[in-house]
Amino acid sequence: EAEAEPGDVEDGYALCGGGKFAVIAGPCSVES
């Protein structure tokens, strides 16, 4: 569930495009 802005989540989907904003984040590489 969306805990904070700015990423858009609706009805069980993370959305991207058409005014819906995706935030993709995490480390360059998985280490542990």
ModelCIF file with pLDDT and N, C-alpha, C, O atoms, coordinates in Angstrom:
data_MODEL
#
_entry.id   MODEL 
#
_entity.id                         1 
_entity.type                       polymer 
_entity.pdbx_number_of_molecules   1 
#
_entity_poly.entity_id                      1 
_entity_poly.type                           'polypeptide(L)' 
_entity_poly.nstd_linkage                   no 
_entity_poly.nstd_monomer                   no 
_entity_poly.pdbx_seq_one_letter_code       EAEAEPGDVEDGYALCGGGKFAVIAGPCSVES 
_entity_poly.pdbx_seq_one_letter_code_can   EAEAEPGDVEDGYALCGGGKFAVIAGPCSVES 
_entity_poly.pdbx_strand_id                 A 
#
loop_
_entity_poly_seq.entity_id 
_entity_poly_seq.num 
_entity_poly_seq.mon_id 
_entity_poly_seq.hetero 
1 1  GLU n 
1 2  ALA n 
1 3  GLU n 
1 4  ALA n 
1 5  GLU n 
1 6  PRO n 
1 7  GLY n 
1 8  ASP n 
1 9  VAL n 
1 10 GLU n 
1 11 ASP n 
1 12 GLY n 
1 13 TYR n 
1 14 ALA n 
1 15 LEU n 
1 16 CYS n 
1 17 GLY n 
1 18 GLY n 
1 19 GLY n 
1 20 LYS n 
1 21 PHE n 
1 22 ALA n 
1 23 VAL n 
1 24 ILE n 
1 25 ALA n 
1 26 GLY n 
1 27 PRO n 
1 28 CYS n 
1 29 SER n 
1 30 VAL n 
1 31 GLU n 
1 32 SER n 
#
_struct_asym.id          A 
_struct_asym.entity_id   1 
#
loop_
_ma_qa_metric.id 
_ma_qa_metric.mode 
_ma_qa_metric.name 
_ma_qa_metric.software_group_id 
_ma_qa_metric.type 
1 global pLDDT . pLDDT 
2 local  pLDDT . pLDDT 
#
_ma_qa_metric_global.metric_id      1 
_ma_qa_metric_global.metric_value   91.41 
_ma_qa_metric_global.model_id       1 
_ma_qa_metric_global.ordinal_id     1 
#
loop_
_ma_qa_metric_local.label_asym_id 
_ma_qa_metric_local.label_comp_id 
_ma_qa_metric_local.label_seq_id 
_ma_qa_metric_local.metric_id 
_ma_qa_metric_local.metric_value 
_ma_qa_metric_local.model_id 
_ma_qa_metric_local.ordinal_id 
A GLU 1  2 77.00 1 1  
A ALA 2  2 68.00 1 2  
A GLU 3  2 74.00 1 3  
A ALA 4  2 73.00 1 4  
A GLU 5  2 76.00 1 5  
A PRO 6  2 86.00 1 6  
A GLY 7  2 87.00 1 7  
A ASP 8  2 92.00 1 8  
A VAL 9  2 93.00 1 9  
A GLU 10 2 93.00 1 10 
A ASP 11 2 91.00 1 11 
A GLY 12 2 93.00 1 12 
A TYR 13 2 95.00 1 13 
A ALA 14 2 96.00 1 14 
A LEU 15 2 97.00 1 15 
A CYS 16 2 98.00 1 16 
A GLY 17 2 97.00 1 17 
A GLY 18 2 95.00 1 18 
A GLY 19 2 94.00 1 19 
A LYS 20 2 96.00 1 20 
A PHE 21 2 97.00 1 21 
A ALA 22 2 97.00 1 22 
A VAL 23 2 98.00 1 23 
A ILE 24 2 98.00 1 24 
A ALA 25 2 98.00 1 25 
A GLY 26 2 97.00 1 26 
A PRO 27 2 96.00 1 27 
A CYS 28 2 94.00 1 28 
A SER 29 2 94.00 1 29 
A VAL 30 2 95.00 1 30 
A GLU 31 2 95.00 1 31 
A SER 32 2 95.00 1 32 
#
loop_
_atom_site.group_PDB 
_atom_site.id 
_atom_site.type_symbol 
_atom_site.label_atom_id 
_atom_site.label_alt_id 
_atom_site.label_comp_id 
_atom_site.label_asym_id 
_atom_site.label_entity_id 
_atom_site.label_seq_id 
_atom_site.pdbx_PDB_ins_code 
_atom_site.Cartn_x 
_atom_site.Cartn_y 
_atom_site.Cartn_z 
_atom_site.occupancy 
_atom_site.B_iso_or_equiv 
_atom_site.pdbx_formal_charge 
_atom_site.auth_seq_id 
_atom_site.auth_comp_id 
_atom_site.auth_asym_id 
_atom_site.auth_atom_id 
_atom_site.pdbx_PDB_model_num 
ATOM 1   N N  . GLU A 1 1  ? 0.847  -1.180 0.000   1.00 77.00 ? 1  GLU A N  1 
ATOM 2   C CA . GLU A 1 1  ? 0.000  0.000  0.000   1.00 77.00 ? 1  GLU A CA 1 
ATOM 3   C C  . GLU A 1 1  ? 0.891  1.242  0.000   1.00 77.00 ? 1  GLU A C  1 
ATOM 4   O O  . GLU A 1 1  ? 1.991  1.224  0.553   1.00 77.00 ? 1  GLU A O  1 
ATOM 5   N N  . ALA A 1 2  ? 0.413  2.314  -0.619  1.00 68.00 ? 2  ALA A N  1 
ATOM 6   C CA . ALA A 1 2  ? 1.192  3.549  -0.648  1.00 68.00 ? 2  ALA A CA 1 
ATOM 7   C C  . ALA A 1 2  ? 1.286  4.123  0.762   1.00 68.00 ? 2  ALA A C  1 
ATOM 8   O O  . ALA A 1 2  ? 0.266  4.438  1.376   1.00 68.00 ? 2  ALA A O  1 
ATOM 9   N N  . GLU A 1 3  ? 2.508  4.260  1.277   1.00 74.00 ? 3  GLU A N  1 
ATOM 10  C CA . GLU A 1 3  ? 2.706  4.813  2.615   1.00 74.00 ? 3  GLU A CA 1 
ATOM 11  C C  . GLU A 1 3  ? 2.944  6.314  2.574   1.00 74.00 ? 3  GLU A C  1 
ATOM 12  O O  . GLU A 1 3  ? 2.677  7.017  3.548   1.00 74.00 ? 3  GLU A O  1 
ATOM 13  N N  . ALA A 1 4  ? 3.447  6.803  1.445   1.00 73.00 ? 4  ALA A N  1 
ATOM 14  C CA . ALA A 1 4  ? 3.746  8.223  1.311   1.00 73.00 ? 4  ALA A CA 1 
ATOM 15  C C  . ALA A 1 4  ? 3.803  8.588  -0.165  1.00 73.00 ? 4  ALA A C  1 
ATOM 16  O O  . ALA A 1 4  ? 3.954  7.721  -1.026  1.00 73.00 ? 4  ALA A O  1 
ATOM 17  N N  . GLU A 1 5  ? 3.682  9.875  -0.445  1.00 76.00 ? 5  GLU A N  1 
ATOM 18  C CA . GLU A 1 5  ? 3.904  10.343 -1.812  1.00 76.00 ? 5  GLU A CA 1 
ATOM 19  C C  . GLU A 1 5  ? 5.415  10.348 -2.055  1.00 76.00 ? 5  GLU A C  1 
ATOM 20  O O  . GLU A 1 5  ? 6.180  10.281 -1.093  1.00 76.00 ? 5  GLU A O  1 
ATOM 21  N N  . PRO A 1 6  ? 5.873  10.425 -3.321  1.00 86.00 ? 6  PRO A N  1 
ATOM 22  C CA . PRO A 1 6  ? 5.113  10.795 -4.509  1.00 86.00 ? 6  PRO A CA 1 
ATOM 23  C C  . PRO A 1 6  ? 4.684  9.638  -5.389  1.00 86.00 ? 6  PRO A C  1 
ATOM 24  O O  . PRO A 1 6  ? 3.998  9.871  -6.385  1.00 86.00 ? 6  PRO A O  1 
ATOM 25  N N  . GLY A 1 7  ? 5.054  8.392  -5.075  1.00 87.00 ? 7  GLY A N  1 
ATOM 26  C CA . GLY A 1 7  ? 4.698  7.285  -5.955  1.00 87.00 ? 7  GLY A CA 1 
ATOM 27  C C  . GLY A 1 7  ? 3.209  7.002  -5.973  1.00 87.00 ? 7  GLY A C  1 
ATOM 28  O O  . GLY A 1 7  ? 2.529  7.167  -4.960  1.00 87.00 ? 7  GLY A O  1 
ATOM 29  N N  . ASP A 1 8  ? 2.695  6.571  -7.131  1.00 92.00 ? 8  ASP A N  1 
ATOM 30  C CA . ASP A 1 8  ? 1.266  6.318  -7.293  1.00 92.00 ? 8  ASP A CA 1 
ATOM 31  C C  . ASP A 1 8  ? 0.961  4.824  -7.250  1.00 92.00 ? 8  ASP A C  1 
ATOM 32  O O  . ASP A 1 8  ? 1.528  4.048  -8.019  1.00 92.00 ? 8  ASP A O  1 
ATOM 33  N N  . VAL A 1 9  ? 0.070  4.427  -6.357  1.00 93.00 ? 9  VAL A N  1 
ATOM 34  C CA . VAL A 1 9  ? -0.406 3.050  -6.238  1.00 93.00 ? 9  VAL A CA 1 
ATOM 35  C C  . VAL A 1 9  ? -1.920 3.087  -6.190  1.00 93.00 ? 9  VAL A C  1 
ATOM 36  O O  . VAL A 1 9  ? -2.502 3.830  -5.398  1.00 93.00 ? 9  VAL A O  1 
ATOM 37  N N  . GLU A 1 10 ? -2.569 2.282  -7.040  1.00 93.00 ? 10 GLU A N  1 
ATOM 38  C CA . GLU A 1 10 ? -4.032 2.224  -7.054  1.00 93.00 ? 10 GLU A CA 1 
ATOM 39  C C  . GLU A 1 10 ? -4.493 0.793  -7.301  1.00 93.00 ? 10 GLU A C  1 
ATOM 40  O O  . GLU A 1 10 ? -3.999 0.117  -8.204  1.00 93.00 ? 10 GLU A O  1 
ATOM 41  N N  . ASP A 1 11 ? -5.440 0.343  -6.493  1.00 91.00 ? 11 ASP A N  1 
ATOM 42  C CA . ASP A 1 11 ? -6.108 -0.944 -6.700  1.00 91.00 ? 11 ASP A CA 1 
ATOM 43  C C  . ASP A 1 11 ? -5.130 -2.106 -6.872  1.00 91.00 ? 11 ASP A C  1 
ATOM 44  O O  . ASP A 1 11 ? -5.343 -2.992 -7.700  1.00 91.00 ? 11 ASP A O  1 
ATOM 45  N N  . GLY A 1 12 ? -4.060 -2.092 -6.085  1.00 93.00 ? 12 GLY A N  1 
ATOM 46  C CA . GLY A 1 12 ? -3.116 -3.203 -6.130  1.00 93.00 ? 12 GLY A CA 1 
ATOM 47  C C  . GLY A 1 12 ? -2.105 -3.130 -7.245  1.00 93.00 ? 12 GLY A C  1 
ATOM 48  O O  . GLY A 1 12 ? -1.475 -4.137 -7.570  1.00 93.00 ? 12 GLY A O  1 
ATOM 49  N N  . TYR A 1 13 ? -1.928 -1.943 -7.854  1.00 95.00 ? 13 TYR A N  1 
ATOM 50  C CA . TYR A 1 13 ? -0.949 -1.782 -8.930  1.00 95.00 ? 13 TYR A CA 1 
ATOM 51  C C  . TYR A 1 13 ? -0.087 -0.551 -8.676  1.00 95.00 ? 13 TYR A C  1 
ATOM 52  O O  . TYR A 1 13 ? -0.592 0.496  -8.270  1.00 95.00 ? 13 TYR A O  1 
ATOM 53  N N  . ALA A 1 14 ? 1.218  -0.682 -8.917  1.00 96.00 ? 14 ALA A N  1 
ATOM 54  C CA . ALA A 1 14 ? 2.106  0.464  -9.000  1.00 96.00 ? 14 ALA A CA 1 
ATOM 55  C C  . ALA A 1 14 ? 1.994  0.983  -10.425 1.00 96.00 ? 14 ALA A C  1 
ATOM 56  O O  . ALA A 1 14 ? 2.143  0.218  -11.378 1.00 96.00 ? 14 ALA A O  1 
ATOM 57  N N  . LEU A 1 15 ? 1.731  2.287  -10.579 1.00 97.00 ? 15 LEU A N  1 
ATOM 58  C CA . LEU A 1 15 ? 1.410  2.850  -11.887 1.00 97.00 ? 15 LEU A CA 1 
ATOM 59  C C  . LEU A 1 15 ? 2.545  3.718  -12.425 1.00 97.00 ? 15 LEU A C  1 
ATOM 60  O O  . LEU A 1 15 ? 3.306  4.322  -11.669 1.00 97.00 ? 15 LEU A O  1 
ATOM 61  N N  . CYS A 1 16 ? 2.633  3.760  -13.752 1.00 98.00 ? 16 CYS A N  1 
ATOM 62  C CA . CYS A 1 16 ? 3.643  4.581  -14.413 1.00 98.00 ? 16 CYS A CA 1 
ATOM 63  C C  . CYS A 1 16 ? 3.107  5.019  -15.765 1.00 98.00 ? 16 CYS A C  1 
ATOM 64  O O  . CYS A 1 16 ? 2.785  4.185  -16.612 1.00 98.00 ? 16 CYS A O  1 
ATOM 65  N N  . GLY A 1 17 ? 3.011  6.351  -15.970 1.00 97.00 ? 17 GLY A N  1 
ATOM 66  C CA . GLY A 1 17 ? 2.545  6.877  -17.248 1.00 97.00 ? 17 GLY A CA 1 
ATOM 67  C C  . GLY A 1 17 ? 1.186  7.535  -17.136 1.00 97.00 ? 17 GLY A C  1 
ATOM 68  O O  . GLY A 1 17 ? 0.428  7.249  -16.209 1.00 97.00 ? 17 GLY A O  1 
ATOM 69  N N  . GLY A 1 18 ? 0.868  8.420  -18.080 1.00 95.00 ? 18 GLY A N  1 
ATOM 70  C CA . GLY A 1 18 ? -0.437 9.058  -18.096 1.00 95.00 ? 18 GLY A CA 1 
ATOM 71  C C  . GLY A 1 18 ? -0.747 9.862  -16.848 1.00 95.00 ? 18 GLY A C  1 
ATOM 72  O O  . GLY A 1 18 ? -1.887 9.877  -16.383 1.00 95.00 ? 18 GLY A O  1 
ATOM 73  N N  . GLY A 1 19 ? 0.264  10.535 -16.301 1.00 94.00 ? 19 GLY A N  1 
ATOM 74  C CA . GLY A 1 19 ? 0.062  11.321 -15.087 1.00 94.00 ? 19 GLY A CA 1 
ATOM 75  C C  . GLY A 1 19 ? 0.328  10.555 -13.811 1.00 94.00 ? 19 GLY A C  1 
ATOM 76  O O  . GLY A 1 19 ? 0.321  11.137 -12.727 1.00 94.00 ? 19 GLY A O  1 
ATOM 77  N N  . LYS A 1 20 ? 0.561  9.275  -13.918 1.00 96.00 ? 20 LYS A N  1 
ATOM 78  C CA . LYS A 1 20 ? 0.880  8.447  -12.752 1.00 96.00 ? 20 LYS A CA 1 
ATOM 79  C C  . LYS A 1 20 ? 2.397  8.337  -12.623 1.00 96.00 ? 20 LYS A C  1 
ATOM 80  O O  . LYS A 1 20 ? 3.098  8.066  -13.598 1.00 96.00 ? 20 LYS A O  1 
ATOM 81  N N  . PHE A 1 21 ? 2.887  8.550  -11.409 1.00 97.00 ? 21 PHE A N  1 
ATOM 82  C CA . PHE A 1 21 ? 4.327  8.682  -11.169 1.00 97.00 ? 21 PHE A CA 1 
ATOM 83  C C  . PHE A 1 21 ? 4.872  7.454  -10.460 1.00 97.00 ? 21 PHE A C  1 
ATOM 84  O O  . PHE A 1 21 ? 4.347  7.031  -9.430  1.00 97.00 ? 21 PHE A O  1 
ATOM 85  N N  . ALA A 1 22 ? 5.935  6.888  -11.023 1.00 97.00 ? 22 ALA A N  1 
ATOM 86  C CA . ALA A 1 22 ? 6.582  5.721  -10.419 1.00 97.00 ? 22 ALA A CA 1 
ATOM 87  C C  . ALA A 1 22 ? 7.871  6.144  -9.727  1.00 97.00 ? 22 ALA A C  1 
ATOM 88  O O  . ALA A 1 22 ? 8.620  6.970  -10.248 1.00 97.00 ? 22 ALA A O  1 
ATOM 89  N N  . VAL A 1 23 ? 8.124  5.583  -8.566  1.00 98.00 ? 23 VAL A N  1 
ATOM 90  C CA . VAL A 1 23 ? 9.388  5.804  -7.868  1.00 98.00 ? 23 VAL A CA 1 
ATOM 91  C C  . VAL A 1 23 ? 10.042 4.442  -7.664  1.00 98.00 ? 23 VAL A C  1 
ATOM 92  O O  . VAL A 1 23 ? 9.553  3.609  -6.900  1.00 98.00 ? 23 VAL A O  1 
ATOM 93  N N  . ILE A 1 24 ? 11.146 4.235  -8.354  1.00 98.00 ? 24 ILE A N  1 
ATOM 94  C CA . ILE A 1 24 ? 11.884 2.974  -8.295  1.00 98.00 ? 24 ILE A CA 1 
ATOM 95  C C  . ILE A 1 24 ? 13.170 3.244  -7.538  1.00 98.00 ? 24 ILE A C  1 
ATOM 96  O O  . ILE A 1 24 ? 13.956 4.099  -7.946  1.00 98.00 ? 24 ILE A O  1 
ATOM 97  N N  . ALA A 1 25 ? 13.401 2.530  -6.443  1.00 98.00 ? 25 ALA A N  1 
ATOM 98  C CA . ALA A 1 25 ? 14.556 2.844  -5.611  1.00 98.00 ? 25 ALA A CA 1 
ATOM 99  C C  . ALA A 1 25 ? 15.133 1.585  -4.991  1.00 98.00 ? 25 ALA A C  1 
ATOM 100 O O  . ALA A 1 25 ? 14.436 0.591  -4.782  1.00 98.00 ? 25 ALA A O  1 
ATOM 101 N N  . GLY A 1 26 ? 16.427 1.656  -4.702  1.00 97.00 ? 26 GLY A N  1 
ATOM 102 C CA . GLY A 1 26 ? 17.116 0.535  -4.085  1.00 97.00 ? 26 GLY A CA 1 
ATOM 103 C C  . GLY A 1 26 ? 18.588 0.564  -4.441  1.00 97.00 ? 26 GLY A C  1 
ATOM 104 O O  . GLY A 1 26 ? 19.033 1.455  -5.164  1.00 97.00 ? 26 GLY A O  1 
ATOM 105 N N  . PRO A 1 27 ? 19.345 -0.392 -3.947  1.00 96.00 ? 27 PRO A N  1 
ATOM 106 C CA . PRO A 1 27 ? 20.793 -0.377 -4.159  1.00 96.00 ? 27 PRO A CA 1 
ATOM 107 C C  . PRO A 1 27 ? 21.192 -0.771 -5.574  1.00 96.00 ? 27 PRO A C  1 
ATOM 108 O O  . PRO A 1 27 ? 20.460 -1.469 -6.275  1.00 96.00 ? 27 PRO A O  1 
ATOM 109 N N  . CYS A 1 28 ? 22.372 -0.306 -5.975  1.00 94.00 ? 28 CYS A N  1 
ATOM 110 C CA . CYS A 1 28 ? 22.902 -0.701 -7.275  1.00 94.00 ? 28 CYS A CA 1 
ATOM 111 C C  . CYS A 1 28 ? 23.013 -2.213 -7.351  1.00 94.00 ? 28 CYS A C  1 
ATOM 112 O O  . CYS A 1 28 ? 22.642 -2.818 -8.357  1.00 94.00 ? 28 CYS A O  1 
ATOM 113 N N  . SER A 1 29 ? 23.527 -2.826 -6.284  1.00 94.00 ? 29 SER A N  1 
ATOM 114 C CA . SER A 1 29 ? 23.648 -4.282 -6.264  1.00 94.00 ? 29 SER A CA 1 
ATOM 115 C C  . SER A 1 29 ? 23.200 -4.833 -4.915  1.00 94.00 ? 29 SER A C  1 
ATOM 116 O O  . SER A 1 29 ? 23.388 -4.207 -3.872  1.00 94.00 ? 29 SER A O  1 
ATOM 117 N N  . VAL A 1 30 ? 22.609 -6.006 -4.965  1.00 95.00 ? 30 VAL A N  1 
ATOM 118 C CA . VAL A 1 30 ? 22.212 -6.715 -3.751  1.00 95.00 ? 30 VAL A CA 1 
ATOM 119 C C  . VAL A 1 30 ? 23.474 -7.299 -3.117  1.00 95.00 ? 30 VAL A C  1 
ATOM 120 O O  . VAL A 1 30 ? 24.269 -7.954 -3.791  1.00 95.00 ? 30 VAL A O  1 
ATOM 121 N N  . GLU A 1 31 ? 23.651 -7.055 -1.816  1.00 95.00 ? 31 GLU A N  1 
ATOM 122 C CA . GLU A 1 31 ? 24.872 -7.502 -1.146  1.00 95.00 ? 31 GLU A CA 1 
ATOM 123 C C  . GLU A 1 31 ? 24.607 -8.499 -0.023  1.00 95.00 ? 31 GLU A C  1 
ATOM 124 O O  . GLU A 1 31 ? 25.448 -9.352 0.263   1.00 95.00 ? 31 GLU A O  1 
ATOM 125 N N  . SER A 1 32 ? 23.442 -8.395 0.613   1.00 95.00 ? 32 SER A N  1 
ATOM 126 C CA . SER A 1 32 ? 23.090 -9.314 1.694   1.00 95.00 ? 32 SER A CA 1 
ATOM 127 C C  . SER A 1 32 ? 21.595 -9.196 1.963   1.00 95.00 ? 32 SER A C  1 
ATOM 128 O O  . SER A 1 32 ? 21.070 -9.882 2.840   1.00 95.00 ? 32 SER A O  1 
#
